[in-house]
C-alpha atoms as a PDB file:
ATOM      1  CA  UNK A   1      35.580   2.816  47.229  1.00  0.00           C
ATOM      2  CA  UNK A   2      34.761  -0.005  44.840  1.00  0.00           C
ATOM      3  CA  UNK A   3      31.456  -0.123  43.016  1.00  0.00           C
ATOM      4  CA  UNK A   4      29.637  -2.063  40.372  1.00  0.00           C
ATOM      5  CA  UNK A   5      28.913  -0.518  36.991  1.00  0.00           C
ATOM      6  CA  UNK A   6      26.314  -1.190  34.365  1.00  0.00           C
ATOM      7  CA  UNK A   7      24.034  -0.119  31.565  1.00  0.00           C
ATOM      8  CA  UNK A   8      20.336  -0.133  30.690  1.00  0.00           C
ATOM      9  CA  UNK A   9      18.981  -1.739  27.524  1.00  0.00           C
ATOM     10  CA  UNK A  10      15.330  -1.626  26.320  1.00  0.00           C
ATOM     11  CA  UNK A  11      14.034  -4.843  24.746  1.00  0.00           C
ATOM     12  CA  UNK A  12      10.958  -5.897  22.777  1.00  0.00           C
ATOM     13  CA  UNK A  13       9.142  -9.211  23.132  1.00  0.00           C
ATOM     14  CA  UNK A  14       7.981 -10.905  19.956  1.00  0.00           C
ATOM     15  CA  UNK A  15       4.747 -11.832  21.741  1.00  0.00           C
ATOM     16  CA  UNK A  16       2.977  -9.131  23.701  1.00  0.00           C
ATOM     17  CA  UNK A  17       1.652  -9.637  27.219  1.00  0.00           C
ATOM     18  CA  UNK A  18      -0.868  -7.554  29.107  1.00  0.00           C
ATOM     19  CA  UNK A  19       0.650  -4.997  31.461  1.00  0.00           C
ATOM     20  CA  UNK A  20      -0.030  -5.744  35.137  1.00  0.00           C
ATOM     21  CA  UNK A  21       0.463  -2.118  36.175  1.00  0.00           C
ATOM     22  CA  UNK A  22      -0.753  -0.644  38.521  1.00  0.00           C
ATOM     23  CA  UNK A  23      -1.437  -3.957  40.302  1.00  0.00           C
ATOM     24  CA  UNK A  24       2.195  -5.125  40.025  1.00  0.00           C
ATOM     25  CA  UNK A  25       5.182  -4.213  42.182  1.00  0.00           C
ATOM     26  CA  UNK A  26       8.416  -2.750  40.849  1.00  0.00           C
ATOM     27  CA  UNK A  27      10.641  -5.730  41.684  1.00  0.00           C
ATOM     28  CA  UNK A  28      12.544  -7.502  38.929  1.00  0.00           C
ATOM     29  CA  UNK A  29      10.599 -10.115  37.028  1.00  0.00           C
ATOM     30  CA  UNK A  30      13.692 -12.155  36.082  1.00  0.00           C
ATOM     31  CA  UNK A  31      17.370 -12.358  37.092  1.00  0.00           C
ATOM     32  CA  UNK A  32      19.616 -13.575  34.275  1.00  0.00           C
ATOM     33  CA  UNK A  33      23.355 -14.322  34.490  1.00  0.00           C
ATOM     34  CA  UNK A  34      25.908 -14.843  31.727  1.00  0.00           C
ATOM     35  CA  UNK A  35      29.649 -14.526  31.062  1.00  0.00           C
ATOM     36  CA  UNK A  36      31.865 -13.051  28.367  1.00  0.00           C
ATOM     37  CA  UNK A  37      34.441 -15.821  28.589  1.00  0.00           C
ATOM     38  CA  UNK A  38      37.106 -14.226  26.415  1.00  0.00           C
ATOM     39  CA  UNK A  39      37.052 -11.029  28.474  1.00  0.00           C
ATOM     40  CA  UNK A  40      36.138 -12.017  32.033  1.00  0.00           C
ATOM     41  CA  UNK A  41      35.368 -14.918  34.345  1.00  0.00           C
ATOM     42  CA  UNK A  42      32.915 -12.786  36.339  1.00  0.00           C
ATOM     43  CA  UNK A  43      29.147 -13.053  35.925  1.00  0.00           C
ATOM     44  CA  UNK A  44      27.222 -10.269  34.229  1.00  0.00           C
ATOM     45  CA  UNK A  45      24.042  -9.810  36.260  1.00  0.00           C
ATOM     46  CA  UNK A  46      20.911  -8.827  34.323  1.00  0.00           C
ATOM     47  CA  UNK A  47      17.718  -7.639  35.973  1.00  0.00           C
ATOM     48  CA  UNK A  48      14.734  -7.744  33.595  1.00  0.00           C
ATOM     49  CA  UNK A  49      11.677  -5.627  34.332  1.00  0.00           C
ATOM     50  CA  UNK A  50       8.437  -4.843  32.521  1.00  0.00           C
ATOM     51  CA  UNK A  51       7.594  -1.191  32.009  1.00  0.00           C
ATOM     52  CA  UNK A  52       6.797   0.617  35.261  1.00  0.00           C
ATOM     53  CA  UNK A  53       5.186   3.978  35.974  1.00  0.00           C
ATOM     54  CA  UNK A  54       8.432   5.877  35.323  1.00  0.00           C
ATOM     55  CA  UNK A  55       8.700   4.431  31.813  1.00  0.00           C
ATOM     56  CA  UNK A  56       5.023   5.101  31.174  1.00  0.00           C
ATOM     57  CA  UNK A  57       5.375   8.685  32.333  1.00  0.00           C
ATOM     58  CA  UNK A  58       8.417   9.223  30.106  1.00  0.00           C
ATOM     59  CA  UNK A  59       6.489   7.869  27.110  1.00  0.00           C
ATOM     60  CA  UNK A  60       3.508  10.092  27.897  1.00  0.00           C
ATOM     61  CA  UNK A  61       1.148   7.175  28.484  1.00  0.00           C
ATOM     62  CA  UNK A  62      -2.319   7.852  29.929  1.00  0.00           C
ATOM     63  CA  UNK A  63      -4.570   4.986  30.947  1.00  0.00           C
ATOM     64  CA  UNK A  64      -7.678   6.913  29.866  1.00  0.00           C
ATOM     65  CA  UNK A  65      -6.149   8.131  26.587  1.00  0.00           C
ATOM     66  CA  UNK A  66      -8.199   7.492  23.437  1.00  0.00           C
ATOM     67  CA  UNK A  67      -5.942   8.915  20.733  1.00  0.00           C
ATOM     68  CA  UNK A  68      -4.046   6.917  18.126  1.00  0.00           C
ATOM     69  CA  UNK A  69      -0.794   7.840  19.894  1.00  0.00           C
ATOM     70  CA  UNK A  70      -2.058   6.411  23.178  1.00  0.00           C
ATOM     71  CA  UNK A  71      -3.238   3.267  21.373  1.00  0.00           C
ATOM     72  CA  UNK A  72       0.234   2.738  19.859  1.00  0.00           C
ATOM     73  CA  UNK A  73       1.967   3.385  23.200  1.00  0.00           C
ATOM     74  CA  UNK A  74      -0.321   0.872  24.902  1.00  0.00           C
ATOM     75  CA  UNK A  75       0.501  -1.734  22.244  1.00  0.00           C
ATOM     76  CA  UNK A  76       4.219  -1.043  22.630  1.00  0.00           C
ATOM     77  CA  UNK A  77       4.119  -1.332  26.436  1.00  0.00           C
ATOM     78  CA  UNK A  78       2.794  -4.874  26.110  1.00  0.00           C
ATOM     79  CA  UNK A  79       6.054  -5.822  24.386  1.00  0.00           C
ATOM     80  CA  UNK A  80       8.511  -3.584  26.246  1.00  0.00           C
ATOM     81  CA  UNK A  81      11.054  -4.962  28.717  1.00  0.00           C
ATOM     82  CA  UNK A  82      13.976  -3.166  30.355  1.00  0.00           C
ATOM     83  CA  UNK A  83      17.265  -4.954  31.093  1.00  0.00           C
ATOM     84  CA  UNK A  84      19.558  -3.483  33.756  1.00  0.00           C
ATOM     85  CA  UNK A  85      23.009  -5.073  33.388  1.00  0.00           C
ATOM     86  CA  UNK A  86      25.480  -4.981  36.262  1.00  0.00           C
ATOM     87  CA  UNK A  87      29.228  -5.786  36.227  1.00  0.00           C
ATOM     88  CA  UNK A  88      31.839  -6.840  38.795  1.00  0.00           C
ATOM     89  CA  UNK A  89      33.933  -4.097  40.403  1.00  0.00           C
ATOM     90  CA  UNK A  90      37.018  -5.426  38.585  1.00  0.00           C
ATOM     91  CA  UNK A  91      35.484  -3.994  35.400  1.00  0.00           C
ATOM     92  CA  UNK A  92      34.092  -0.823  36.923  1.00  0.00           C
ATOM     93  CA  UNK A  93      35.394   2.582  37.830  1.00  0.00           C
ATOM     94  CA  UNK A  94      35.478   3.645  41.448  1.00  0.00           C
ATOM     95  CA  UNK A  95      35.428   6.551  43.872  1.00  0.00           C
ATOM     96  CA  UNK A  96      38.340   8.035  45.807  1.00  0.00           C
ATOM     97  CA  UNK A  97      37.287   9.379  49.210  1.00  0.00           C
ATOM     98  CA  UNK A  98      39.472  11.932  50.998  1.00  0.00           C
ATOM     99  CA  UNK A  99      38.818  13.273  54.509  1.00  0.00           C
ATOM    100  CA  UNK A 100      40.454  16.649  55.077  1.00  0.00           C
ATOM    101  CA  UNK A 101      40.800  18.297  58.461  1.00  0.00           C
ATOM    102  CA  UNK A 102      39.030  21.620  58.866  1.00  0.00           C
ATOM    103  CA  UNK A 103      40.965  24.841  59.182  1.00  0.00           C
ATOM    104  CA  UNK A 104      41.334  26.500  62.580  1.00  0.00           C
ATOM    105  CA  UNK A 105      39.423  23.735  64.314  1.00  0.00           C
ATOM    106  CA  UNK A 106      36.516  23.840  61.876  1.00  0.00           C
ATOM    107  CA  UNK A 107      34.548  20.887  60.592  1.00  0.00           C
ATOM    108  CA  UNK A 108      36.372  18.314  58.478  1.00  0.00           C
ATOM    109  CA  UNK A 109      35.259  17.792  54.887  1.00  0.00           C
ATOM    110  CA  UNK A 110      34.872  14.638  52.819  1.00  0.00           C
ATOM    111  CA  UNK A 111      35.526  14.898  49.093  1.00  0.00           C
ATOM    112  CA  UNK A 112      34.684  12.241  46.507  1.00  0.00           C
ATOM    113  CA  UNK A 113      36.444  11.931  43.161  1.00  0.00           C
ATOM    114  CA  UNK A 114      35.021   9.548  40.575  1.00  0.00           C
ATOM    115  CA  UNK A 115      37.594   7.382  38.813  1.00  0.00           C
ATOM    116  CA  UNK A 116      36.376   6.253  35.355  1.00  0.00           C
ATOM    117  CA  UNK A 117      37.030   2.862  33.778  1.00  0.00           C
ATOM    118  CA  UNK A 118      38.753   3.079  30.407  1.00  0.00           C
ATOM    119  CA  UNK A 119      37.827  -0.501  29.482  1.00  0.00           C
ATOM    120  CA  UNK A 120      34.164  -0.575  30.535  1.00  0.00           C
ATOM    121  CA  UNK A 121      32.662   0.870  27.300  1.00  0.00           C
ATOM    122  CA  UNK A 122      34.274  -1.940  25.289  1.00  0.00           C
ATOM    123  CA  UNK A 123      33.078  -4.638  27.708  1.00  0.00           C
ATOM    124  CA  UNK A 124      29.588  -3.149  27.836  1.00  0.00           C
ATOM    125  CA  UNK A 125      29.225  -3.279  24.045  1.00  0.00           C
ATOM    126  CA  UNK A 126      30.576  -6.844  23.944  1.00  0.00           C
ATOM    127  CA  UNK A 127      28.116  -7.864  26.654  1.00  0.00           C
ATOM    128  CA  UNK A 128      25.180  -6.161  24.946  1.00  0.00           C
ATOM    129  CA  UNK A 129      25.868  -8.107  21.759  1.00  0.00           C
ATOM    130  CA  UNK A 130      26.186 -11.349  23.737  1.00  0.00           C
ATOM    131  CA  UNK A 131      22.934 -10.607  25.572  1.00  0.00           C
ATOM    132  CA  UNK A 132      21.218 -10.004  22.239  1.00  0.00           C
ATOM    133  CA  UNK A 133      22.176 -13.459  20.996  1.00  0.00           C
ATOM    134  CA  UNK A 134      20.953 -15.106  24.194  1.00  0.00           C
ATOM    135  CA  UNK A 135      17.670 -13.209  24.432  1.00  0.00           C
ATOM    136  CA  UNK A 136      16.762 -13.892  20.803  1.00  0.00           C
ATOM    137  CA  UNK A 137      16.382 -17.560  21.785  1.00  0.00           C
ATOM    138  CA  UNK A 138      13.741 -16.457  24.303  1.00  0.00           C
ATOM    139  CA  UNK A 139      11.791 -14.412  21.766  1.00  0.00           C
ATOM    140  CA  UNK A 140      13.131 -11.049  22.940  1.00  0.00           C
ATOM    141  CA  UNK A 141      14.965  -8.454  20.838  1.00  0.00           C
ATOM    142  CA  UNK A 142      17.334  -6.036  22.665  1.00  0.00           C
ATOM    143  CA  UNK A 143      17.361  -2.578  21.073  1.00  0.00           C
ATOM    144  CA  UNK A 144      21.121  -2.062  20.866  1.00  0.00           C
ATOM    145  CA  UNK A 145      21.020   1.510  19.466  1.00  0.00           C
ATOM    146  CA  UNK A 146      19.108   2.593  22.599  1.00  0.00           C
ATOM    147  CA  UNK A 147      21.693   1.362  25.134  1.00  0.00           C
ATOM    148  CA  UNK A 148      22.248   3.822  27.992  1.00  0.00           C
ATOM    149  CA  UNK A 149      25.081   4.022  30.514  1.00  0.00           C
ATOM    150  CA  UNK A 150      27.853   2.254  28.566  1.00  0.00           C
ATOM    151  CA  UNK A 151      30.340   5.020  29.338  1.00  0.00           C
ATOM    152  CA  UNK A 152      33.518   5.354  31.405  1.00  0.00           C
ATOM    153  CA  UNK A 153      32.073   6.902  34.574  1.00  0.00           C
ATOM    154  CA  UNK A 154      30.598   4.309  36.946  1.00  0.00           C
ATOM    155  CA  UNK A 155      27.015   4.168  38.114  1.00  0.00           C
ATOM    156  CA  UNK A 156      25.555   1.388  40.201  1.00  0.00           C
ATOM    157  CA  UNK A 157      23.822   0.459  43.441  1.00  0.00           C
ATOM    158  CA  UNK A 158      26.411  -1.676  45.243  1.00  0.00           C
ATOM    159  CA  UNK A 159      29.447  -0.192  46.986  1.00  0.00           C
ATOM    160  CA  UNK A 160      32.170  -1.359  49.348  1.00  0.00           C
ATOM    161  CA  UNK A 161      35.794  -2.376  49.594  1.00  0.00           C
ATOM    162  CA  UNK A 162      36.900   0.700  51.542  1.00  0.00           C
ATOM    163  CA  UNK A 163      38.218  -1.493  54.389  1.00  0.00           C
ATOM    164  CA  UNK A 164      39.104  -4.722  52.552  1.00  0.00           C
ATOM    165  CA  UNK A 165      39.749  -7.810  54.678  1.00  0.00           C
ATOM    166  CA  UNK A 166      42.732 -10.089  54.161  1.00  0.00           C
ATOM    167  CA  UNK A 167      44.889 -12.569  56.067  1.00  0.00           C
ATOM    168  CA  UNK A 168      47.675  -9.976  56.261  1.00  0.00           C
ATOM    169  CA  UNK A 169      46.023  -6.555  56.291  1.00  0.00           C
ATOM    170  CA  UNK A 170      48.156  -3.613  55.206  1.00  0.00           C
ATOM    171  CA  UNK A 171      47.425   0.007  56.005  1.00  0.00           C
ATOM    172  CA  UNK A 172      45.443   1.774  58.698  1.00  0.00           C
ATOM    173  CA  UNK A 173      42.011   1.070  57.258  1.00  0.00           C
ATOM    174  CA  UNK A 174      42.516  -2.517  56.117  1.00  0.00           C
ATOM    175  CA  UNK A 175      40.841  -5.245  58.179  1.00  0.00           C
ATOM    176  CA  UNK A 176      41.627  -8.834  59.084  1.00  0.00           C
ATOM    177  CA  UNK A 177      39.346 -11.780  58.290  1.00  0.00           C
ATOM    178  CA  UNK A 178      37.154 -10.877  61.264  1.00  0.00           C
ATOM    179  CA  UNK A 179      36.646  -7.317  60.041  1.00  0.00           C
ATOM    180  CA  UNK A 180      38.933  -5.743  62.662  1.00  0.00           C
ATOM    181  CA  UNK A 181      40.769  -2.581  61.564  1.00  0.00           C
ATOM    182  CA  UNK A 182      44.477  -2.299  62.330  1.00  0.00           C
ATOM    183  CA  UNK A 183      45.037  -1.817  66.064  1.00  0.00           C
ATOM    184  CA  UNK A 184      41.519  -2.794  67.137  1.00  0.00           C
ATOM    185  CA  UNK A 185      40.577  -6.074  68.839  1.00  0.00           C
ATOM    186  CA  UNK A 186      36.946  -5.588  69.865  1.00  0.00           C
ATOM    187  CA  UNK A 187      35.700  -3.560  66.894  1.00  0.00           C
ATOM    188  CA  UNK A 188      34.377  -5.477  63.874  1.00  0.00           C
ATOM    189  CA  UNK A 189      33.186  -4.088  60.533  1.00  0.00           C
ATOM    190  CA  UNK A 190      30.574  -6.410  59.046  1.00  0.00           C
ATOM    191  CA  UNK A 191      29.040  -4.661  56.014  1.00  0.00           C
ATOM    192  CA  UNK A 192      30.239  -4.573  52.391  1.00  0.00           C
ATOM    193  CA  UNK A 193      33.106  -2.251  53.397  1.00  0.00           C
ATOM    194  CA  UNK A 194      35.228  -5.310  54.177  1.00  0.00           C
ATOM    195  CA  UNK A 195      34.604  -7.160  50.902  1.00  0.00           C
ATOM    196  CA  UNK A 196      37.778  -7.154  48.754  1.00  0.00           C
ATOM    197  CA  UNK A 197      35.649  -6.813  45.613  1.00  0.00           C
ATOM    198  CA  UNK A 198      31.991  -6.253  44.760  1.00  0.00           C
ATOM    199  CA  UNK A 199      30.200  -8.829  42.566  1.00  0.00           C
ATOM    200  CA  UNK A 200      27.896  -7.823  39.763  1.00  0.00           C
ATOM    201  CA  UNK A 201      25.285 -10.231  41.149  1.00  0.00           C
ATOM    202  CA  UNK A 202      22.992  -9.330  44.038  1.00  0.00           C
ATOM    203  CA  UNK A 203      24.978  -8.425  47.161  1.00  0.00           C
ATOM    204  CA  UNK A 204      22.620  -8.636  50.145  1.00  0.00           C
ATOM    205  CA  UNK A 205      23.000 -12.360  50.915  1.00  0.00           C
ATOM    206  CA  UNK A 206      26.807 -12.200  50.414  1.00  0.00           C
ATOM    207  CA  UNK A 207      27.112  -9.351  52.924  1.00  0.00           C
ATOM    208  CA  UNK A 208      24.754 -11.062  55.365  1.00  0.00           C
ATOM    209  CA  UNK A 209      26.617 -14.384  55.157  1.00  0.00           C
ATOM    210  CA  UNK A 210      29.949 -12.690  55.758  1.00  0.00           C
ATOM    211  CA  UNK A 211      28.530 -10.729  58.705  1.00  0.00           C
ATOM    212  CA  UNK A 212      27.195 -13.987  60.182  1.00  0.00           C
ATOM    213  CA  UNK A 213      30.605 -15.627  59.737  1.00  0.00           C
ATOM    214  CA  UNK A 214      32.366 -12.760  61.537  1.00  0.00           C
ATOM    215  CA  UNK A 215      29.862 -12.819  64.418  1.00  0.00           C
ATOM    216  CA  UNK A 216      30.118 -16.597  64.703  1.00  0.00           C
ATOM    217  CA  UNK A 217      33.943 -16.780  64.661  1.00  0.00           C
ATOM    218  CA  UNK A 218      34.797 -13.663  66.687  1.00  0.00           C
ATOM    219  CA  UNK A 219      35.976 -14.212  70.292  1.00  0.00           C
ATOM    220  CA  UNK A 220      33.770 -12.830  73.056  1.00  0.00           C
ATOM    221  CA  UNK A 221      36.621 -11.430  75.108  1.00  0.00           C
END
């Protein structure tokens, strides 16, 4: 199973802005894309959020607090941003899924083994430095020493590639360009399972467009 992989990086704005919480939602405020041209032609996808209730809770913030500590936290929250950086599956680890038959007719079991990426820590650090240079132009300072997640084991939100489609599918679980597994004519897989790779950018519209294409081009009989 292919997956994306990423890291989290806190950032400080040079100019503070009032926090909209709790009247704001938790969706990303900005999507930002860039490349590390010497290392990859894939986009690095950055989701930038202001502090939400989880960050505030971790910092011990209380809206009714009157202490000096609470005053300093409130000032800091006005400048705090969080960047979540996501990378293409070519640069990520993955997961190996194995289905084993149960003994004596018992239930089968599915095991998952995580496969780390030996090169991801290097790429993550290169990307964090590149992001720092870009964000400085926007009046934002990434806090590089506080980077989290730039390790070998993958973590991410987008998965797929377990039944990759191709013009000449090979293997029992590969699919053709209409998402049909080997030996099946009227069964079509239309989710991210059939994507040969998983982009670091948002995946929903890609999966939906491919599902529409399969439905539109598939024969009815």
